[in-house]
Amino acid sequence: MYGLEMKLWLTATLWFSVTATSKVLRLQSRSQLTLKKIVSDPTCEVCGLHEETQSHIFYHCDMAAQFWSRMAMNVPSDPTNLLSWNRPASVAQEGFSSFVALCHWQLWKARNEKVFRQCTTGVQQILRQCSAVSVQWEARLPPSKRHVVQAWGQLFEAARQGEG
């Protein structure tokens, strides 16, 4: 997945992660589905405590907050601004947007596992999945770029081991 295919995937994923907190409401959170009268309760199915907004899914739900904490990354007040994130020193600037997109994608998939399959995905499993995806990405990159994604895998594994 390199070249045009990767660029298209990253563009879609970045759109997905950036719109997570933007005023453009594109993701079908329970809050949005309640407004459309598709569901009657806007409560998050993952934590069962708060209204499920786009921001809640990615940053404020217990699962998401634990994920970012294990990654030793504080969610900035404006998460759509990648420059406001505290980029881990081991993550190169050139791949940081893809790294953040990968994290968002795995959080979204974990949320959907709960909503559609009633399967709870723990933070350890999300970190394991992030690590596995980073290995797949690494294999598809030219050798000169693999070090960027190798650092992601090391960071995910460190967070999984509680070293994040």
N, C-alpha and C. Protein backbone atom coordinates (compact mmCIF):
# COMPACT_ATOMS: atom_id res chain seq x y z
N MET A 1 0.85 -1.18 0.00
CA MET A 1 0.00 0.00 0.00
C MET A 1 0.88 1.23 0.00
N TYR A 2 1.45 1.54 -1.11
CA TYR A 2 2.32 2.69 -1.23
C TYR A 2 1.94 3.44 -2.49
N GLY A 3 2.34 4.65 -2.59
CA GLY A 3 2.01 5.44 -3.76
C GLY A 3 0.59 5.94 -3.70
N LEU A 4 -0.09 5.89 -4.82
CA LEU A 4 -1.43 6.44 -4.92
C LEU A 4 -2.41 5.78 -3.96
N GLU A 5 -2.35 4.45 -3.86
CA GLU A 5 -3.28 3.74 -2.97
C GLU A 5 -3.11 4.21 -1.53
N MET A 6 -1.88 4.36 -1.06
CA MET A 6 -1.64 4.80 0.30
C MET A 6 -2.09 6.25 0.48
N LYS A 7 -1.82 7.09 -0.52
CA LYS A 7 -2.24 8.48 -0.42
C LYS A 7 -3.76 8.58 -0.31
N LEU A 8 -4.47 7.80 -1.09
CA LEU A 8 -5.92 7.82 -1.02
C LEU A 8 -6.42 7.33 0.34
N TRP A 9 -5.80 6.25 0.83
CA TRP A 9 -6.20 5.73 2.14
C TRP A 9 -5.93 6.75 3.22
N LEU A 10 -4.75 7.38 3.18
CA LEU A 10 -4.41 8.37 4.20
C LEU A 10 -5.32 9.58 4.12
N THR A 11 -5.65 10.01 2.90
CA THR A 11 -6.55 11.14 2.75
C THR A 11 -7.90 10.83 3.38
N ALA A 12 -8.43 9.65 3.10
CA ALA A 12 -9.72 9.26 3.68
C ALA A 12 -9.63 9.15 5.19
N THR A 13 -8.55 8.57 5.68
CA THR A 13 -8.41 8.38 7.11
C THR A 13 -8.20 9.71 7.82
N LEU A 14 -7.41 10.59 7.22
CA LEU A 14 -7.21 11.90 7.84
C LEU A 14 -8.50 12.70 7.84
N TRP A 15 -9.26 12.63 6.76
CA TRP A 15 -10.56 13.29 6.75
C TRP A 15 -11.39 12.77 7.92
N PHE A 16 -11.35 11.46 8.09
CA PHE A 16 -12.10 10.80 9.15
C PHE A 16 -11.68 11.32 10.51
N SER A 17 -10.37 11.37 10.76
CA SER A 17 -9.90 11.78 12.07
C SER A 17 -10.08 13.28 12.30
N VAL A 18 -9.89 14.08 11.26
CA VAL A 18 -10.03 15.52 11.42
C VAL A 18 -11.49 15.90 11.64
N THR A 19 -12.42 15.23 10.97
CA THR A 19 -13.82 15.58 11.15
C THR A 19 -14.37 15.07 12.47
N ALA A 20 -13.57 14.31 13.20
CA ALA A 20 -14.03 13.77 14.47
C ALA A 20 -14.43 14.87 15.45
N THR A 21 -13.81 16.01 15.37
CA THR A 21 -14.16 17.08 16.30
C THR A 21 -14.57 18.36 15.59
N SER A 22 -14.65 18.33 14.29
CA SER A 22 -15.00 19.54 13.58
C SER A 22 -16.50 19.82 13.68
N LYS A 23 -16.87 20.99 13.28
CA LYS A 23 -18.28 21.37 13.30
C LYS A 23 -19.05 20.66 12.18
N VAL A 24 -18.34 20.10 11.23
CA VAL A 24 -18.98 19.32 10.17
C VAL A 24 -19.26 17.94 10.75
N LEU A 25 -20.51 17.65 11.02
CA LEU A 25 -20.86 16.39 11.67
C LEU A 25 -21.09 15.31 10.63
N ARG A 26 -20.10 14.46 10.46
CA ARG A 26 -20.17 13.45 9.41
C ARG A 26 -20.28 12.04 9.96
N LEU A 27 -19.69 11.78 11.09
CA LEU A 27 -19.77 10.43 11.66
C LEU A 27 -21.11 10.24 12.34
N GLN A 28 -21.62 9.04 12.21
CA GLN A 28 -22.93 8.76 12.77
C GLN A 28 -22.82 8.31 14.23
N SER A 29 -22.51 9.25 15.09
CA SER A 29 -22.47 8.98 16.53
C SER A 29 -23.92 8.83 17.02
N ARG A 30 -24.06 8.29 18.20
CA ARG A 30 -25.41 8.14 18.76
C ARG A 30 -26.08 9.49 18.95
N SER A 31 -25.30 10.51 19.22
CA SER A 31 -25.85 11.85 19.35
C SER A 31 -26.50 12.28 18.04
N GLN A 32 -25.80 12.07 16.93
CA GLN A 32 -26.35 12.41 15.61
C GLN A 32 -27.55 11.54 15.26
N LEU A 33 -27.46 10.26 15.60
CA LEU A 33 -28.57 9.34 15.30
C LEU A 33 -29.82 9.68 16.13
N THR A 34 -29.62 10.22 17.33
CA THR A 34 -30.75 10.65 18.15
C THR A 34 -31.42 11.86 17.52
N LEU A 35 -30.62 12.81 17.03
CA LEU A 35 -31.18 13.99 16.37
C LEU A 35 -32.00 13.60 15.14
N LYS A 36 -31.57 12.54 14.47
CA LYS A 36 -32.28 12.07 13.27
C LYS A 36 -33.41 11.11 13.61
N LYS A 37 -33.61 10.89 14.91
CA LYS A 37 -34.66 10.00 15.43
C LYS A 37 -34.49 8.55 14.97
N ILE A 38 -33.24 8.14 14.80
CA ILE A 38 -32.94 6.76 14.43
C ILE A 38 -32.78 5.91 15.68
N VAL A 39 -32.19 6.51 16.72
CA VAL A 39 -32.12 5.87 18.05
C VAL A 39 -32.69 6.85 19.06
N SER A 40 -33.13 6.33 20.19
CA SER A 40 -33.75 7.20 21.18
C SER A 40 -32.80 7.63 22.31
N ASP A 41 -31.68 6.95 22.44
CA ASP A 41 -30.76 7.23 23.54
C ASP A 41 -29.38 7.56 23.00
N PRO A 42 -28.85 8.76 23.30
CA PRO A 42 -27.54 9.14 22.78
C PRO A 42 -26.36 8.63 23.62
N THR A 43 -26.63 7.82 24.63
CA THR A 43 -25.56 7.36 25.52
C THR A 43 -24.59 6.43 24.81
N CYS A 44 -23.32 6.64 25.07
CA CYS A 44 -22.25 5.82 24.49
C CYS A 44 -22.43 4.37 24.91
N GLU A 45 -22.38 3.47 23.95
CA GLU A 45 -22.52 2.04 24.24
C GLU A 45 -21.22 1.44 24.77
N VAL A 46 -20.12 2.13 24.59
CA VAL A 46 -18.84 1.61 25.07
C VAL A 46 -18.70 1.84 26.57
N CYS A 47 -18.90 3.07 27.02
CA CYS A 47 -18.74 3.36 28.44
C CYS A 47 -20.07 3.40 29.19
N GLY A 48 -21.15 3.68 28.47
CA GLY A 48 -22.46 3.73 29.10
C GLY A 48 -22.66 4.92 30.03
N LEU A 49 -21.79 5.92 29.94
CA LEU A 49 -21.84 7.03 30.90
C LEU A 49 -22.19 8.38 30.31
N HIS A 50 -21.75 8.64 29.09
CA HIS A 50 -21.89 9.97 28.52
C HIS A 50 -22.50 9.91 27.13
N GLU A 51 -22.94 11.08 26.66
CA GLU A 51 -23.47 11.17 25.31
C GLU A 51 -22.35 10.87 24.31
N GLU A 52 -22.67 10.04 23.33
CA GLU A 52 -21.68 9.66 22.33
C GLU A 52 -21.65 10.68 21.20
N THR A 53 -20.75 11.62 21.32
CA THR A 53 -20.47 12.57 20.26
C THR A 53 -19.20 12.11 19.54
N GLN A 54 -18.88 12.77 18.46
CA GLN A 54 -17.65 12.41 17.76
C GLN A 54 -16.43 12.62 18.65
N SER A 55 -16.41 13.71 19.37
CA SER A 55 -15.30 14.00 20.27
C SER A 55 -15.22 12.95 21.38
N HIS A 56 -16.36 12.54 21.89
CA HIS A 56 -16.39 11.53 22.95
C HIS A 56 -15.78 10.21 22.45
N ILE A 57 -16.16 9.79 21.26
CA ILE A 57 -15.66 8.52 20.72
C ILE A 57 -14.14 8.48 20.71
N PHE A 58 -13.52 9.55 20.23
CA PHE A 58 -12.07 9.54 19.99
C PHE A 58 -11.22 10.06 21.15
N TYR A 59 -11.82 10.83 22.06
CA TYR A 59 -10.98 11.46 23.08
C TYR A 59 -11.47 11.32 24.51
N HIS A 60 -12.77 11.30 24.73
CA HIS A 60 -13.28 11.42 26.09
C HIS A 60 -13.90 10.14 26.66
N CYS A 61 -14.25 9.21 25.82
CA CYS A 61 -14.76 7.93 26.30
C CYS A 61 -13.64 7.29 27.12
N ASP A 62 -13.99 6.54 28.14
CA ASP A 62 -12.98 5.90 28.99
C ASP A 62 -11.98 5.11 28.16
N MET A 63 -12.47 4.37 27.18
CA MET A 63 -11.58 3.56 26.34
C MET A 63 -10.57 4.45 25.61
N ALA A 64 -11.05 5.52 24.99
CA ALA A 64 -10.17 6.43 24.25
C ALA A 64 -9.21 7.14 25.19
N ALA A 65 -9.70 7.61 26.32
CA ALA A 65 -8.84 8.32 27.28
C ALA A 65 -7.73 7.39 27.79
N GLN A 66 -8.08 6.14 28.05
CA GLN A 66 -7.07 5.17 28.50
C GLN A 66 -6.04 4.92 27.39
N PHE A 67 -6.52 4.82 26.16
CA PHE A 67 -5.62 4.61 25.03
C PHE A 67 -4.60 5.74 24.95
N TRP A 68 -5.07 6.99 24.92
CA TRP A 68 -4.16 8.12 24.78
C TRP A 68 -3.23 8.22 26.00
N SER A 69 -3.74 7.88 27.16
CA SER A 69 -2.91 7.89 28.37
C SER A 69 -1.78 6.86 28.25
N ARG A 70 -2.12 5.64 27.82
CA ARG A 70 -1.10 4.60 27.65
C ARG A 70 -0.06 5.00 26.61
N MET A 71 -0.49 5.78 25.63
CA MET A 71 0.44 6.27 24.61
C MET A 71 1.24 7.47 25.10
N ALA A 72 0.95 7.92 26.32
CA ALA A 72 1.60 9.11 26.91
C ALA A 72 1.39 10.34 26.03
N MET A 73 0.19 10.44 25.48
CA MET A 73 -0.16 11.57 24.61
C MET A 73 -1.38 12.27 25.19
N ASN A 74 -1.22 13.54 25.50
CA ASN A 74 -2.34 14.33 25.99
C ASN A 74 -3.14 14.82 24.79
N VAL A 75 -4.45 14.69 24.88
CA VAL A 75 -5.31 15.18 23.81
C VAL A 75 -5.38 16.70 23.93
N PRO A 76 -4.98 17.42 22.88
CA PRO A 76 -5.00 18.88 22.94
C PRO A 76 -6.43 19.42 22.90
N SER A 77 -6.59 20.68 23.26
CA SER A 77 -7.93 21.28 23.23
C SER A 77 -8.51 21.30 21.82
N ASP A 78 -7.64 21.39 20.81
CA ASP A 78 -8.08 21.31 19.42
C ASP A 78 -7.37 20.14 18.74
N PRO A 79 -7.91 18.93 18.88
CA PRO A 79 -7.22 17.77 18.31
C PRO A 79 -7.16 17.76 16.79
N THR A 80 -7.93 18.62 16.11
CA THR A 80 -7.87 18.66 14.66
C THR A 80 -6.59 19.35 14.18
N ASN A 81 -5.92 20.08 15.06
CA ASN A 81 -4.67 20.75 14.74
C ASN A 81 -3.52 19.83 15.13
N LEU A 82 -2.94 19.14 14.14
CA LEU A 82 -1.87 18.18 14.44
C LEU A 82 -0.67 18.83 15.11
N LEU A 83 -0.47 20.11 14.89
CA LEU A 83 0.67 20.79 15.51
C LEU A 83 0.48 20.97 17.01
N SER A 84 -0.76 20.84 17.49
CA SER A 84 -1.00 21.01 18.92
C SER A 84 -0.82 19.71 19.71
N TRP A 85 -0.64 18.60 19.03
CA TRP A 85 -0.43 17.32 19.71
C TRP A 85 1.00 17.25 20.24
N ASN A 86 1.17 16.58 21.37
CA ASN A 86 2.53 16.34 21.87
C ASN A 86 3.06 15.08 21.18
N ARG A 87 3.72 15.29 20.07
CA ARG A 87 4.25 14.19 19.27
C ARG A 87 5.32 13.46 20.07
N PRO A 88 5.18 12.14 20.23
CA PRO A 88 6.23 11.38 20.91
C PRO A 88 7.56 11.54 20.17
N ALA A 89 8.64 11.65 20.91
CA ALA A 89 9.96 11.88 20.32
C ALA A 89 10.33 10.79 19.32
N SER A 90 9.85 9.57 19.54
CA SER A 90 10.22 8.47 18.64
C SER A 90 9.43 8.46 17.33
N VAL A 91 8.41 9.29 17.23
CA VAL A 91 7.60 9.35 16.02
C VAL A 91 8.06 10.53 15.17
N ALA A 92 8.54 10.21 13.98
CA ALA A 92 9.05 11.25 13.08
C ALA A 92 7.93 12.18 12.64
N GLN A 93 8.26 13.44 12.48
CA GLN A 93 7.27 14.42 12.03
C GLN A 93 6.66 14.02 10.69
N GLU A 94 7.48 13.46 9.78
CA GLU A 94 7.00 13.14 8.44
C GLU A 94 5.88 12.10 8.45
N GLY A 95 5.79 11.28 9.46
CA GLY A 95 4.75 10.26 9.51
C GLY A 95 3.73 10.47 10.61
N PHE A 96 3.80 11.63 11.27
CA PHE A 96 2.94 11.83 12.43
C PHE A 96 1.46 11.84 12.10
N SER A 97 1.08 12.48 11.01
CA SER A 97 -0.35 12.52 10.66
C SER A 97 -0.88 11.11 10.40
N SER A 98 -0.08 10.27 9.76
CA SER A 98 -0.50 8.89 9.52
C SER A 98 -0.58 8.11 10.83
N PHE A 99 0.34 8.36 11.72
CA PHE A 99 0.34 7.72 13.03
C PHE A 99 -0.96 8.06 13.79
N VAL A 100 -1.31 9.34 13.81
CA VAL A 100 -2.54 9.78 14.49
C VAL A 100 -3.77 9.18 13.81
N ALA A 101 -3.76 9.14 12.48
CA ALA A 101 -4.88 8.55 11.75
C ALA A 101 -5.04 7.08 12.09
N LEU A 102 -3.93 6.36 12.18
CA LEU A 102 -3.97 4.94 12.54
C LEU A 102 -4.59 4.76 13.92
N CYS A 103 -4.21 5.59 14.87
CA CYS A 103 -4.78 5.51 16.22
C CYS A 103 -6.29 5.75 16.20
N HIS A 104 -6.72 6.76 15.48
CA HIS A 104 -8.15 7.07 15.38
C HIS A 104 -8.92 5.91 14.73
N TRP A 105 -8.35 5.35 13.67
CA TRP A 105 -9.01 4.26 12.96
C TRP A 105 -9.22 3.07 13.88
N GLN A 106 -8.22 2.73 14.68
CA GLN A 106 -8.35 1.59 15.59
C GLN A 106 -9.35 1.87 16.70
N LEU A 107 -9.42 3.10 17.18
CA LEU A 107 -10.44 3.46 18.18
C LEU A 107 -11.85 3.34 17.58
N TRP A 108 -12.01 3.79 16.34
CA TRP A 108 -13.30 3.68 15.66
C TRP A 108 -13.70 2.22 15.47
N LYS A 109 -12.75 1.38 15.08
CA LYS A 109 -13.04 -0.03 14.90
C LYS A 109 -13.43 -0.69 16.23
N ALA A 110 -12.76 -0.31 17.32
CA ALA A 110 -13.10 -0.86 18.64
C ALA A 110 -14.51 -0.43 19.05
N ARG A 111 -14.85 0.80 18.77
CA ARG A 111 -16.21 1.29 19.06
C ARG A 111 -17.23 0.48 18.27
N ASN A 112 -16.95 0.24 17.00
CA ASN A 112 -17.88 -0.50 16.16
C ASN A 112 -18.01 -1.96 16.58
N GLU A 113 -16.95 -2.55 17.09
CA GLU A 113 -17.03 -3.92 17.62
C GLU A 113 -18.07 -4.00 18.74
N LYS A 114 -18.08 -3.00 19.59
CA LYS A 114 -19.04 -2.97 20.70
C LYS A 114 -20.46 -2.71 20.18
N VAL A 115 -20.60 -1.74 19.30
CA VAL A 115 -21.92 -1.35 18.80
C VAL A 115 -22.56 -2.44 17.96
N PHE A 116 -21.80 -3.04 17.06
CA PHE A 116 -22.39 -3.97 16.10
C PHE A 116 -22.24 -5.44 16.45
N ARG A 117 -21.28 -5.77 17.31
CA ARG A 117 -21.06 -7.18 17.65
C ARG A 117 -21.14 -7.45 19.14
N GLN A 118 -21.34 -6.39 19.93
CA GLN A 118 -21.40 -6.50 21.39
C GLN A 118 -20.12 -7.11 21.96
N CYS A 119 -18.98 -6.86 21.31
CA CYS A 119 -17.68 -7.34 21.76
C CYS A 119 -16.89 -6.16 22.31
N THR A 120 -16.43 -6.28 23.52
CA THR A 120 -15.64 -5.22 24.13
C THR A 120 -14.17 -5.42 23.77
N THR A 121 -13.58 -4.38 23.24
CA THR A 121 -12.16 -4.41 22.89
C THR A 121 -11.43 -3.58 23.92
N GLY A 122 -10.51 -4.20 24.65
CA GLY A 122 -9.74 -3.48 25.65
C GLY A 122 -8.61 -2.68 25.03
N VAL A 123 -8.05 -1.80 25.82
CA VAL A 123 -6.96 -0.95 25.35
C VAL A 123 -5.76 -1.79 24.92
N GLN A 124 -5.48 -2.87 25.64
CA GLN A 124 -4.37 -3.75 25.25
C GLN A 124 -4.58 -4.28 23.83
N GLN A 125 -5.80 -4.69 23.54
CA GLN A 125 -6.10 -5.22 22.21
C GLN A 125 -6.00 -4.13 21.14
N ILE A 126 -6.44 -2.93 21.46
CA ILE A 126 -6.34 -1.83 20.50
C ILE A 126 -4.87 -1.54 20.20
N LEU A 127 -4.04 -1.53 21.24
CA LEU A 127 -2.60 -1.30 21.05
C LEU A 127 -1.98 -2.44 20.24
N ARG A 128 -2.41 -3.66 20.49
CA ARG A 128 -1.91 -4.82 19.72
C ARG A 128 -2.29 -4.67 18.25
N GLN A 129 -3.53 -4.24 18.00
CA GLN A 129 -3.98 -4.06 16.62
C GLN A 129 -3.21 -2.93 15.93
N CYS A 130 -2.95 -1.85 16.66
CA CYS A 130 -2.15 -0.75 16.10
C CYS A 130 -0.77 -1.25 15.73
N SER A 131 -0.18 -2.05 16.59
CA SER A 131 1.14 -2.60 16.34
C SER A 131 1.12 -3.50 15.11
N ALA A 132 0.12 -4.36 15.00
CA ALA A 132 0.01 -5.28 13.86
C ALA A 132 -0.16 -4.51 12.55
N VAL A 133 -0.96 -3.46 12.57
CA VAL A 133 -1.16 -2.67 11.35
C VAL A 133 0.14 -1.95 10.98
N SER A 134 0.87 -1.49 11.98
CA SER A 134 2.13 -0.81 11.66
C SER A 134 3.12 -1.76 11.01
N VAL A 135 3.11 -3.04 11.40
CA VAL A 135 3.97 -4.04 10.76
C VAL A 135 3.55 -4.22 9.30
N GLN A 136 2.25 -4.25 9.04
CA GLN A 136 1.77 -4.38 7.66
C GLN A 136 2.19 -3.17 6.83
N TRP A 137 2.06 -1.97 7.40
CA TRP A 137 2.46 -0.77 6.67
C TRP A 137 3.95 -0.80 6.38
N GLU A 138 4.73 -1.22 7.37
CA GLU A 138 6.19 -1.26 7.22
C GLU A 138 6.58 -2.12 6.02
N ALA A 139 5.92 -3.27 5.88
CA ALA A 139 6.25 -4.20 4.80
C ALA A 139 5.95 -3.62 3.42
N ARG A 140 5.08 -2.64 3.37
CA ARG A 140 4.69 -2.07 2.08
C ARG A 140 5.47 -0.81 1.72
N LEU A 141 6.29 -0.35 2.63
CA LEU A 141 7.06 0.86 2.38
C LEU A 141 8.41 0.52 1.77
N PRO A 142 8.99 1.46 1.05
CA PRO A 142 10.35 1.23 0.56
C PRO A 142 11.30 1.15 1.76
N PRO A 143 12.38 0.42 1.64
CA PRO A 143 13.31 0.26 2.77
C PRO A 143 13.74 1.58 3.41
N SER A 144 13.89 2.61 2.63
CA SER A 144 14.35 3.90 3.17
C SER A 144 13.34 4.56 4.10
N LYS A 145 12.08 4.13 4.07
CA LYS A 145 11.02 4.73 4.89
C LYS A 145 10.56 3.83 6.04
N ARG A 146 11.03 2.62 6.08
CA ARG A 146 10.53 1.65 7.06
C ARG A 146 10.82 2.04 8.50
N HIS A 147 11.90 2.75 8.73
CA HIS A 147 12.25 3.14 10.10
C HIS A 147 11.16 4.00 10.74
N VAL A 148 10.44 4.77 9.92
CA VAL A 148 9.38 5.64 10.43
C VAL A 148 8.29 4.79 11.09
N VAL A 149 7.86 3.75 10.40
CA VAL A 149 6.78 2.91 10.91
C VAL A 149 7.28 1.93 11.96
N GLN A 150 8.54 1.53 11.89
CA GLN A 150 9.10 0.67 12.94
C GLN A 150 9.03 1.36 14.29
N ALA A 151 9.26 2.66 14.30
CA ALA A 151 9.17 3.42 15.55
C ALA A 151 7.75 3.40 16.12
N TRP A 152 6.75 3.41 15.23
CA TRP A 152 5.37 3.33 15.71
C TRP A 152 5.15 2.01 16.43
N GLY A 153 5.57 0.93 15.80
CA GLY A 153 5.38 -0.40 16.39
C GLY A 153 6.04 -0.50 17.75
N GLN A 154 7.23 0.05 17.87
CA GLN A 154 7.93 0.04 19.16
C GLN A 154 7.16 0.84 20.20
N LEU A 155 6.60 1.96 19.80
CA LEU A 155 5.83 2.79 20.72
C LEU A 155 4.55 2.07 21.16
N PHE A 156 3.86 1.44 20.22
CA PHE A 156 2.65 0.69 20.57
C PHE A 156 2.98 -0.45 21.53
N GLU A 157 4.06 -1.16 21.26
CA GLU A 157 4.46 -2.26 22.13
C GLU A 157 4.86 -1.76 23.51
N ALA A 158 5.57 -0.65 23.58
CA ALA A 158 5.95 -0.07 24.88
C ALA A 158 4.70 0.33 25.67
N ALA A 159 3.73 0.92 24.98
CA ALA A 159 2.47 1.31 25.65
C ALA A 159 1.72 0.07 26.13
N ARG A 160 1.75 -0.98 25.33
CA ARG A 160 1.07 -2.23 25.70
C ARG A 160 1.73 -2.85 26.94
N GLN A 161 3.03 -2.70 27.04
CA GLN A 161 3.77 -3.26 28.18
C GLN A 161 3.73 -2.31 29.39
N GLY A 162 3.04 -1.18 29.23
CA GLY A 162 2.93 -0.24 30.35
C GLY A 162 4.10 0.71 30.46
N GLU A 163 4.88 0.82 29.40
CA GLU A 163 6.05 1.69 29.42
C GLU A 163 5.79 3.01 28.73
N GLY A 164 4.53 3.23 28.29
CA GLY A 164 4.20 4.43 27.51
C GLY A 164 4.19 5.69 28.30
